[in-house]
Amino acid sequence: DVRFLGYPDGRVEATLDLRRDISRVIRQVRPQRVI
């Protein structure tokens, strides 16, 4: 299972949108560990 968010390479910022999109996957996967 390999997923891509499609943010622009070289222009990533720690925005609320990115936090939301990662949070979405965390809630989907429900991992005990995140690297």
ModelCIF file with pLDDT and N, C-alpha, C, O atoms, coordinates in Angstrom:
data_MODEL
#
_entry.id   MODEL 
#
_entity.id                         1 
_entity.type                       polymer 
_entity.pdbx_number_of_molecules   1 
#
_entity_poly.entity_id                      1 
_entity_poly.type                           'polypeptide(L)' 
_entity_poly.nstd_linkage                   no 
_entity_poly.nstd_monomer                   no 
_entity_poly.pdbx_seq_one_letter_code       DVRFLGYPDGRVEATLDLRRDISRVIRQVRPQRVI 
_entity_poly.pdbx_seq_one_letter_code_can   DVRFLGYPDGRVEATLDLRRDISRVIRQVRPQRVI 
_entity_poly.pdbx_strand_id                 A 
#
loop_
_entity_poly_seq.entity_id 
_entity_poly_seq.num 
_entity_poly_seq.mon_id 
_entity_poly_seq.hetero 
1 1  ASP n 
1 2  VAL n 
1 3  ARG n 
1 4  PHE n 
1 5  LEU n 
1 6  GLY n 
1 7  TYR n 
1 8  PRO n 
1 9  ASP n 
1 10 GLY n 
1 11 ARG n 
1 12 VAL n 
1 13 GLU n 
1 14 ALA n 
1 15 THR n 
1 16 LEU n 
1 17 ASP n 
1 18 LEU n 
1 19 ARG n 
1 20 ARG n 
1 21 ASP n 
1 22 ILE n 
1 23 SER n 
1 24 ARG n 
1 25 VAL n 
1 26 ILE n 
1 27 ARG n 
1 28 GLN n 
1 29 VAL n 
1 30 ARG n 
1 31 PRO n 
1 32 GLN n 
1 33 ARG n 
1 34 VAL n 
1 35 ILE n 
#
_struct_asym.id          A 
_struct_asym.entity_id   1 
#
loop_
_ma_qa_metric.id 
_ma_qa_metric.mode 
_ma_qa_metric.name 
_ma_qa_metric.software_group_id 
_ma_qa_metric.type 
1 global pLDDT . pLDDT 
2 local  pLDDT . pLDDT 
#
_ma_qa_metric_global.metric_id      1 
_ma_qa_metric_global.metric_value   97.66 
_ma_qa_metric_global.model_id       1 
_ma_qa_metric_global.ordinal_id     1 
#
loop_
_ma_qa_metric_local.label_asym_id 
_ma_qa_metric_local.label_comp_id 
_ma_qa_metric_local.label_seq_id 
_ma_qa_metric_local.metric_id 
_ma_qa_metric_local.metric_value 
_ma_qa_metric_local.model_id 
_ma_qa_metric_local.ordinal_id 
A ASP 1  2 98.00 1 1  
A VAL 2  2 98.00 1 2  
A ARG 3  2 98.00 1 3  
A PHE 4  2 98.00 1 4  
A LEU 5  2 98.00 1 5  
A GLY 6  2 97.00 1 6  
A TYR 7  2 98.00 1 7  
A PRO 8  2 96.00 1 8  
A ASP 9  2 95.00 1 9  
A GLY 10 2 94.00 1 10 
A ARG 11 2 96.00 1 11 
A VAL 12 2 98.00 1 12 
A GLU 13 2 98.00 1 13 
A ALA 14 2 98.00 1 14 
A THR 15 2 98.00 1 15 
A LEU 16 2 98.00 1 16 
A ASP 17 2 98.00 1 17 
A LEU 18 2 98.00 1 18 
A ARG 19 2 98.00 1 19 
A ARG 20 2 98.00 1 20 
A ASP 21 2 98.00 1 21 
A ILE 22 2 98.00 1 22 
A SER 23 2 98.00 1 23 
A ARG 24 2 98.00 1 24 
A VAL 25 2 98.00 1 25 
A ILE 26 2 98.00 1 26 
A ARG 27 2 98.00 1 27 
A GLN 28 2 98.00 1 28 
A VAL 29 2 98.00 1 29 
A ARG 30 2 98.00 1 30 
A PRO 31 2 98.00 1 31 
A GLN 32 2 98.00 1 32 
A ARG 33 2 98.00 1 33 
A VAL 34 2 98.00 1 34 
A ILE 35 2 98.00 1 35 
#
loop_
_atom_site.group_PDB 
_atom_site.id 
_atom_site.type_symbol 
_atom_site.label_atom_id 
_atom_site.label_alt_id 
_atom_site.label_comp_id 
_atom_site.label_asym_id 
_atom_site.label_entity_id 
_atom_site.label_seq_id 
_atom_site.pdbx_PDB_ins_code 
_atom_site.Cartn_x 
_atom_site.Cartn_y 
_atom_site.Cartn_z 
_atom_site.occupancy 
_atom_site.B_iso_or_equiv 
_atom_site.pdbx_formal_charge 
_atom_site.auth_seq_id 
_atom_site.auth_comp_id 
_atom_site.auth_asym_id 
_atom_site.auth_atom_id 
_atom_site.pdbx_PDB_model_num 
ATOM 1   N N  . ASP A 1 1  ? 0.854  -1.197 0.000  1.00 98.00 ? 1  ASP A N  1 
ATOM 2   C CA . ASP A 1 1  ? 0.000  0.000  0.000  1.00 98.00 ? 1  ASP A CA 1 
ATOM 3   C C  . ASP A 1 1  ? 0.887  1.244  0.000  1.00 98.00 ? 1  ASP A C  1 
ATOM 4   O O  . ASP A 1 1  ? 1.487  1.586  1.019  1.00 98.00 ? 1  ASP A O  1 
ATOM 5   N N  . VAL A 1 2  ? 0.966  1.918  -1.149 1.00 98.00 ? 2  VAL A N  1 
ATOM 6   C CA . VAL A 1 2  ? 1.789  3.121  -1.293 1.00 98.00 ? 2  VAL A CA 1 
ATOM 7   C C  . VAL A 1 2  ? 0.878  4.261  -1.732 1.00 98.00 ? 2  VAL A C  1 
ATOM 8   O O  . VAL A 1 2  ? 0.200  4.153  -2.754 1.00 98.00 ? 2  VAL A O  1 
ATOM 9   N N  . ARG A 1 3  ? 0.857  5.346  -0.974 1.00 98.00 ? 3  ARG A N  1 
ATOM 10  C CA . ARG A 1 3  ? -0.044 6.460  -1.237 1.00 98.00 ? 3  ARG A CA 1 
ATOM 11  C C  . ARG A 1 3  ? 0.749  7.739  -1.479 1.00 98.00 ? 3  ARG A C  1 
ATOM 12  O O  . ARG A 1 3  ? 1.854  7.909  -0.963 1.00 98.00 ? 3  ARG A O  1 
ATOM 13  N N  . PHE A 1 4  ? 0.168  8.632  -2.270 1.00 98.00 ? 4  PHE A N  1 
ATOM 14  C CA . PHE A 1 4  ? 0.816  9.889  -2.613 1.00 98.00 ? 4  PHE A CA 1 
ATOM 15  C C  . PHE A 1 4  ? -0.173 11.040 -2.400 1.00 98.00 ? 4  PHE A C  1 
ATOM 16  O O  . PHE A 1 4  ? -1.338 10.955 -2.790 1.00 98.00 ? 4  PHE A O  1 
ATOM 17  N N  . LEU A 1 5  ? 0.313  12.113 -1.775 1.00 98.00 ? 5  LEU A N  1 
ATOM 18  C CA . LEU A 1 5  ? -0.543 13.270 -1.546 1.00 98.00 ? 5  LEU A CA 1 
ATOM 19  C C  . LEU A 1 5  ? -0.458 14.296 -2.669 1.00 98.00 ? 5  LEU A C  1 
ATOM 20  O O  . LEU A 1 5  ? -1.351 15.134 -2.799 1.00 98.00 ? 5  LEU A O  1 
ATOM 21  N N  . GLY A 1 6  ? 0.594  14.251 -3.481 1.00 97.00 ? 6  GLY A N  1 
ATOM 22  C CA . GLY A 1 6  ? 0.679  15.135 -4.639 1.00 97.00 ? 6  GLY A CA 1 
ATOM 23  C C  . GLY A 1 6  ? 1.034  16.579 -4.349 1.00 97.00 ? 6  GLY A C  1 
ATOM 24  O O  . GLY A 1 6  ? 0.759  17.457 -5.166 1.00 97.00 ? 6  GLY A O  1 
ATOM 25  N N  . TYR A 1 7  ? 1.642  16.841 -3.201 1.00 98.00 ? 7  TYR A N  1 
ATOM 26  C CA . TYR A 1 7  ? 2.109  18.208 -2.932 1.00 98.00 ? 7  TYR A CA 1 
ATOM 27  C C  . TYR A 1 7  ? 3.293  18.511 -3.846 1.00 98.00 ? 7  TYR A C  1 
ATOM 28  O O  . TYR A 1 7  ? 3.994  17.589 -4.263 1.00 98.00 ? 7  TYR A O  1 
ATOM 29  N N  . PRO A 1 8  ? 3.528  19.781 -4.165 1.00 96.00 ? 8  PRO A N  1 
ATOM 30  C CA . PRO A 1 8  ? 4.601  20.122 -5.107 1.00 96.00 ? 8  PRO A CA 1 
ATOM 31  C C  . PRO A 1 8  ? 5.991  19.851 -4.547 1.00 96.00 ? 8  PRO A C  1 
ATOM 32  O O  . PRO A 1 8  ? 6.334  20.330 -3.466 1.00 96.00 ? 8  PRO A O  1 
ATOM 33  N N  . ASP A 1 9  ? 6.777  19.096 -5.272 1.00 95.00 ? 9  ASP A N  1 
ATOM 34  C CA . ASP A 1 9  ? 8.135  18.748 -4.882 1.00 95.00 ? 9  ASP A CA 1 
ATOM 35  C C  . ASP A 1 9  ? 8.980  20.016 -4.803 1.00 95.00 ? 9  ASP A C  1 
ATOM 36  O O  . ASP A 1 9  ? 8.988  20.829 -5.727 1.00 95.00 ? 9  ASP A O  1 
ATOM 37  N N  . GLY A 1 10 ? 9.691  20.171 -3.688 1.00 94.00 ? 10 GLY A N  1 
ATOM 38  C CA . GLY A 1 10 ? 10.538 21.342 -3.494 1.00 94.00 ? 10 GLY A CA 1 
ATOM 39  C C  . GLY A 1 10 ? 9.840  22.517 -2.844 1.00 94.00 ? 10 GLY A C  1 
ATOM 40  O O  . GLY A 1 10 ? 10.468 23.538 -2.561 1.00 94.00 ? 10 GLY A O  1 
ATOM 41  N N  . ARG A 1 11 ? 8.523  22.378 -2.599 1.00 96.00 ? 11 ARG A N  1 
ATOM 42  C CA . ARG A 1 11 ? 7.757  23.495 -2.022 1.00 96.00 ? 11 ARG A CA 1 
ATOM 43  C C  . ARG A 1 11 ? 6.872  23.045 -0.868 1.00 96.00 ? 11 ARG A C  1 
ATOM 44  O O  . ARG A 1 11 ? 5.837  23.655 -0.601 1.00 96.00 ? 11 ARG A O  1 
ATOM 45  N N  . VAL A 1 12 ? 7.272  21.988 -0.190 1.00 98.00 ? 12 VAL A N  1 
ATOM 46  C CA . VAL A 1 12 ? 6.464  21.481 0.921  1.00 98.00 ? 12 VAL A CA 1 
ATOM 47  C C  . VAL A 1 12 ? 6.596  22.397 2.126  1.00 98.00 ? 12 VAL A C  1 
ATOM 48  O O  . VAL A 1 12 ? 7.701  22.796 2.495  1.00 98.00 ? 12 VAL A O  1 
ATOM 49  N N  . GLU A 1 13 ? 5.478  22.724 2.728  1.00 98.00 ? 13 GLU A N  1 
ATOM 50  C CA . GLU A 1 13 ? 5.441  23.507 3.957  1.00 98.00 ? 13 GLU A CA 1 
ATOM 51  C C  . GLU A 1 13 ? 4.548  22.792 4.969  1.00 98.00 ? 13 GLU A C  1 
ATOM 52  O O  . GLU A 1 13 ? 3.624  22.071 4.592  1.00 98.00 ? 13 GLU A O  1 
ATOM 53  N N  . ALA A 1 14 ? 4.829  22.995 6.239  1.00 98.00 ? 14 ALA A N  1 
ATOM 54  C CA . ALA A 1 14 ? 4.070  22.321 7.304  1.00 98.00 ? 14 ALA A CA 1 
ATOM 55  C C  . ALA A 1 14 ? 2.766  23.064 7.572  1.00 98.00 ? 14 ALA A C  1 
ATOM 56  O O  . ALA A 1 14 ? 2.563  23.623 8.649  1.00 98.00 ? 14 ALA A O  1 
ATOM 57  N N  . THR A 1 15 ? 1.893  23.058 6.581  1.00 98.00 ? 15 THR A N  1 
ATOM 58  C CA . THR A 1 15 ? 0.641  23.791 6.646  1.00 98.00 ? 15 THR A CA 1 
ATOM 59  C C  . THR A 1 15 ? -0.437 22.980 7.364  1.00 98.00 ? 15 THR A C  1 
ATOM 60  O O  . THR A 1 15 ? -0.281 21.781 7.598  1.00 98.00 ? 15 THR A O  1 
ATOM 61  N N  . LEU A 1 16 ? -1.527 23.654 7.705  1.00 98.00 ? 16 LEU A N  1 
ATOM 62  C CA . LEU A 1 16 ? -2.667 22.962 8.281  1.00 98.00 ? 16 LEU A CA 1 
ATOM 63  C C  . LEU A 1 16 ? -3.262 21.969 7.285  1.00 98.00 ? 16 LEU A C  1 
ATOM 64  O O  . LEU A 1 16 ? -3.739 20.904 7.675  1.00 98.00 ? 16 LEU A O  1 
ATOM 65  N N  . ASP A 1 17 ? -3.233 22.322 5.999  1.00 98.00 ? 17 ASP A N  1 
ATOM 66  C CA . ASP A 1 17 ? -3.748 21.400 4.990  1.00 98.00 ? 17 ASP A CA 1 
ATOM 67  C C  . ASP A 1 17 ? -2.951 20.096 4.977  1.00 98.00 ? 17 ASP A C  1 
ATOM 68  O O  . ASP A 1 17 ? -3.523 19.008 4.910  1.00 98.00 ? 17 ASP A O  1 
ATOM 69  N N  . LEU A 1 18 ? -1.618 20.221 5.041  1.00 98.00 ? 18 LEU A N  1 
ATOM 70  C CA . LEU A 1 18 ? -0.797 19.017 5.045  1.00 98.00 ? 18 LEU A CA 1 
ATOM 71  C C  . LEU A 1 18 ? -1.018 18.221 6.329  1.00 98.00 ? 18 LEU A C  1 
ATOM 72  O O  . LEU A 1 18 ? -1.081 16.992 6.288  1.00 98.00 ? 18 LEU A O  1 
ATOM 73  N N  . ARG A 1 19 ? -1.136 18.894 7.452  1.00 98.00 ? 19 ARG A N  1 
ATOM 74  C CA . ARG A 1 19 ? -1.427 18.210 8.711  1.00 98.00 ? 19 ARG A CA 1 
ATOM 75  C C  . ARG A 1 19 ? -2.746 17.447 8.619  1.00 98.00 ? 19 ARG A C  1 
ATOM 76  O O  . ARG A 1 19 ? -2.848 16.312 9.084  1.00 98.00 ? 19 ARG A O  1 
ATOM 77  N N  . ARG A 1 20 ? -3.748 18.075 8.019  1.00 98.00 ? 20 ARG A N  1 
ATOM 78  C CA . ARG A 1 20 ? -5.045 17.410 7.849  1.00 98.00 ? 20 ARG A CA 1 
ATOM 79  C C  . ARG A 1 20 ? -4.912 16.172 6.961  1.00 98.00 ? 20 ARG A C  1 
ATOM 80  O O  . ARG A 1 20 ? -5.469 15.119 7.271  1.00 98.00 ? 20 ARG A O  1 
ATOM 81  N N  . ASP A 1 21 ? -4.169 16.303 5.852  1.00 98.00 ? 21 ASP A N  1 
ATOM 82  C CA . ASP A 1 21 ? -4.056 15.195 4.912  1.00 98.00 ? 21 ASP A CA 1 
ATOM 83  C C  . ASP A 1 21 ? -3.291 14.015 5.511  1.00 98.00 ? 21 ASP A C  1 
ATOM 84  O O  . ASP A 1 21 ? -3.616 12.859 5.239  1.00 98.00 ? 21 ASP A O  1 
ATOM 85  N N  . ILE A 1 22 ? -2.281 14.304 6.320  1.00 98.00 ? 22 ILE A N  1 
ATOM 86  C CA . ILE A 1 22 ? -1.572 13.218 7.008  1.00 98.00 ? 22 ILE A CA 1 
ATOM 87  C C  . ILE A 1 22 ? -2.448 12.632 8.106  1.00 98.00 ? 22 ILE A C  1 
ATOM 88  O O  . ILE A 1 22 ? -2.467 11.417 8.306  1.00 98.00 ? 22 ILE A O  1 
ATOM 89  N N  . SER A 1 23 ? -3.178 13.495 8.821  1.00 98.00 ? 23 SER A N  1 
ATOM 90  C CA . SER A 1 23 ? -4.097 13.009 9.861  1.00 98.00 ? 23 SER A CA 1 
ATOM 91  C C  . SER A 1 23 ? -5.151 12.083 9.271  1.00 98.00 ? 23 SER A C  1 
ATOM 92  O O  . SER A 1 23 ? -5.527 11.086 9.888  1.00 98.00 ? 23 SER A O  1 
ATOM 93  N N  . ARG A 1 24 ? -5.622 12.413 8.082  1.00 98.00 ? 24 ARG A N  1 
ATOM 94  C CA . ARG A 1 24 ? -6.607 11.555 7.418  1.00 98.00 ? 24 ARG A CA 1 
ATOM 95  C C  . ARG A 1 24 ? -6.059 10.132 7.250  1.00 98.00 ? 24 ARG A C  1 
ATOM 96  O O  . ARG A 1 24 ? -6.747 9.155  7.544  1.00 98.00 ? 24 ARG A O  1 
ATOM 97  N N  . VAL A 1 25 ? -4.823 10.030 6.777  1.00 98.00 ? 25 VAL A N  1 
ATOM 98  C CA . VAL A 1 25 ? -4.241 8.705  6.550  1.00 98.00 ? 25 VAL A CA 1 
ATOM 99  C C  . VAL A 1 25 ? -3.974 8.001  7.876  1.00 98.00 ? 25 VAL A C  1 
ATOM 100 O O  . VAL A 1 25 ? -4.151 6.787  7.976  1.00 98.00 ? 25 VAL A O  1 
ATOM 101 N N  . ILE A 1 26 ? -3.551 8.748  8.893  1.00 98.00 ? 26 ILE A N  1 
ATOM 102 C CA . ILE A 1 26 ? -3.368 8.136  10.208 1.00 98.00 ? 26 ILE A CA 1 
ATOM 103 C C  . ILE A 1 26 ? -4.683 7.539  10.699 1.00 98.00 ? 26 ILE A C  1 
ATOM 104 O O  . ILE A 1 26 ? -4.701 6.424  11.221 1.00 98.00 ? 26 ILE A O  1 
ATOM 105 N N  . ARG A 1 27 ? -5.772 8.266  10.537 1.00 98.00 ? 27 ARG A N  1 
ATOM 106 C CA . ARG A 1 27 ? -7.066 7.753  10.997 1.00 98.00 ? 27 ARG A CA 1 
ATOM 107 C C  . ARG A 1 27 ? -7.538 6.581  10.142 1.00 98.00 ? 27 ARG A C  1 
ATOM 108 O O  . ARG A 1 27 ? -8.249 5.704  10.632 1.00 98.00 ? 27 ARG A O  1 
ATOM 109 N N  . GLN A 1 28 ? -7.151 6.562  8.877  1.00 98.00 ? 28 GLN A N  1 
ATOM 110 C CA . GLN A 1 28 ? -7.509 5.434  8.011  1.00 98.00 ? 28 GLN A CA 1 
ATOM 111 C C  . GLN A 1 28 ? -6.707 4.184  8.371  1.00 98.00 ? 28 GLN A C  1 
ATOM 112 O O  . GLN A 1 28 ? -7.263 3.091  8.478  1.00 98.00 ? 28 GLN A O  1 
ATOM 113 N N  . VAL A 1 29 ? -5.410 4.351  8.554  1.00 98.00 ? 29 VAL A N  1 
ATOM 114 C CA . VAL A 1 29 ? -4.514 3.215  8.782  1.00 98.00 ? 29 VAL A CA 1 
ATOM 115 C C  . VAL A 1 29 ? -4.537 2.756  10.232 1.00 98.00 ? 29 VAL A C  1 
ATOM 116 O O  . VAL A 1 29 ? -4.435 1.560  10.508 1.00 98.00 ? 29 VAL A O  1 
ATOM 117 N N  . ARG A 1 30 ? -4.672 3.704  11.168 1.00 98.00 ? 30 ARG A N  1 
ATOM 118 C CA . ARG A 1 30 ? -4.688 3.438  12.603 1.00 98.00 ? 30 ARG A CA 1 
ATOM 119 C C  . ARG A 1 30 ? -3.419 2.699  13.047 1.00 98.00 ? 30 ARG A C  1 
ATOM 120 O O  . ARG A 1 30 ? -3.495 1.614  13.623 1.00 98.00 ? 30 ARG A O  1 
ATOM 121 N N  . PRO A 1 31 ? -2.258 3.293  12.773 1.00 98.00 ? 31 PRO A N  1 
ATOM 122 C CA . PRO A 1 31 ? -0.985 2.622  13.068 1.00 98.00 ? 31 PRO A CA 1 
ATOM 123 C C  . PRO A 1 31 ? -0.605 2.703  14.541 1.00 98.00 ? 31 PRO A C  1 
ATOM 124 O O  . PRO A 1 31 ? -0.955 3.655  15.238 1.00 98.00 ? 31 PRO A O  1 
ATOM 125 N N  . GLN A 1 32 ? 0.113  1.695  14.994 1.00 98.00 ? 32 GLN A N  1 
ATOM 126 C CA . GLN A 1 32 ? 0.727  1.758  16.329 1.00 98.00 ? 32 GLN A CA 1 
ATOM 127 C C  . GLN A 1 32 ? 2.072  2.475  16.283 1.00 98.00 ? 32 GLN A C  1 
ATOM 128 O O  . GLN A 1 32 ? 2.597  2.882  17.320 1.00 98.00 ? 32 GLN A O  1 
ATOM 129 N N  . ARG A 1 33 ? 2.626  2.629  15.090 1.00 98.00 ? 33 ARG A N  1 
ATOM 130 C CA . ARG A 1 33 ? 3.941  3.257  14.960 1.00 98.00 ? 33 ARG A CA 1 
ATOM 131 C C  . ARG A 1 33 ? 3.978  4.048  13.654 1.00 98.00 ? 33 ARG A C  1 
ATOM 132 O O  . ARG A 1 33 ? 3.480  3.589  12.625 1.00 98.00 ? 33 ARG A O  1 
ATOM 133 N N  . VAL A 1 34 ? 4.575  5.243  13.707 1.00 98.00 ? 34 VAL A N  1 
ATOM 134 C CA . VAL A 1 34 ? 4.747  6.090  12.521 1.00 98.00 ? 34 VAL A CA 1 
ATOM 135 C C  . VAL A 1 34 ? 6.222  6.463  12.402 1.00 98.00 ? 34 VAL A C  1 
ATOM 136 O O  . VAL A 1 34 ? 6.835  6.905  13.374 1.00 98.00 ? 34 VAL A O  1 
ATOM 137 N N  . ILE A 1 35 ? 6.783  6.287  11.226 1.00 98.00 ? 35 ILE A N  1 
ATOM 138 C CA . ILE A 1 35 ? 8.160  6.718  10.955 1.00 98.00 ? 35 ILE A CA 1 
ATOM 139 C C  . ILE A 1 35 ? 8.094  8.033  10.187 1.00 98.00 ? 35 ILE A C  1 
ATOM 140 O O  . ILE A 1 35 ? 9.132  8.599  9.842  1.00 98.00 ? 35 ILE A O  1 
#
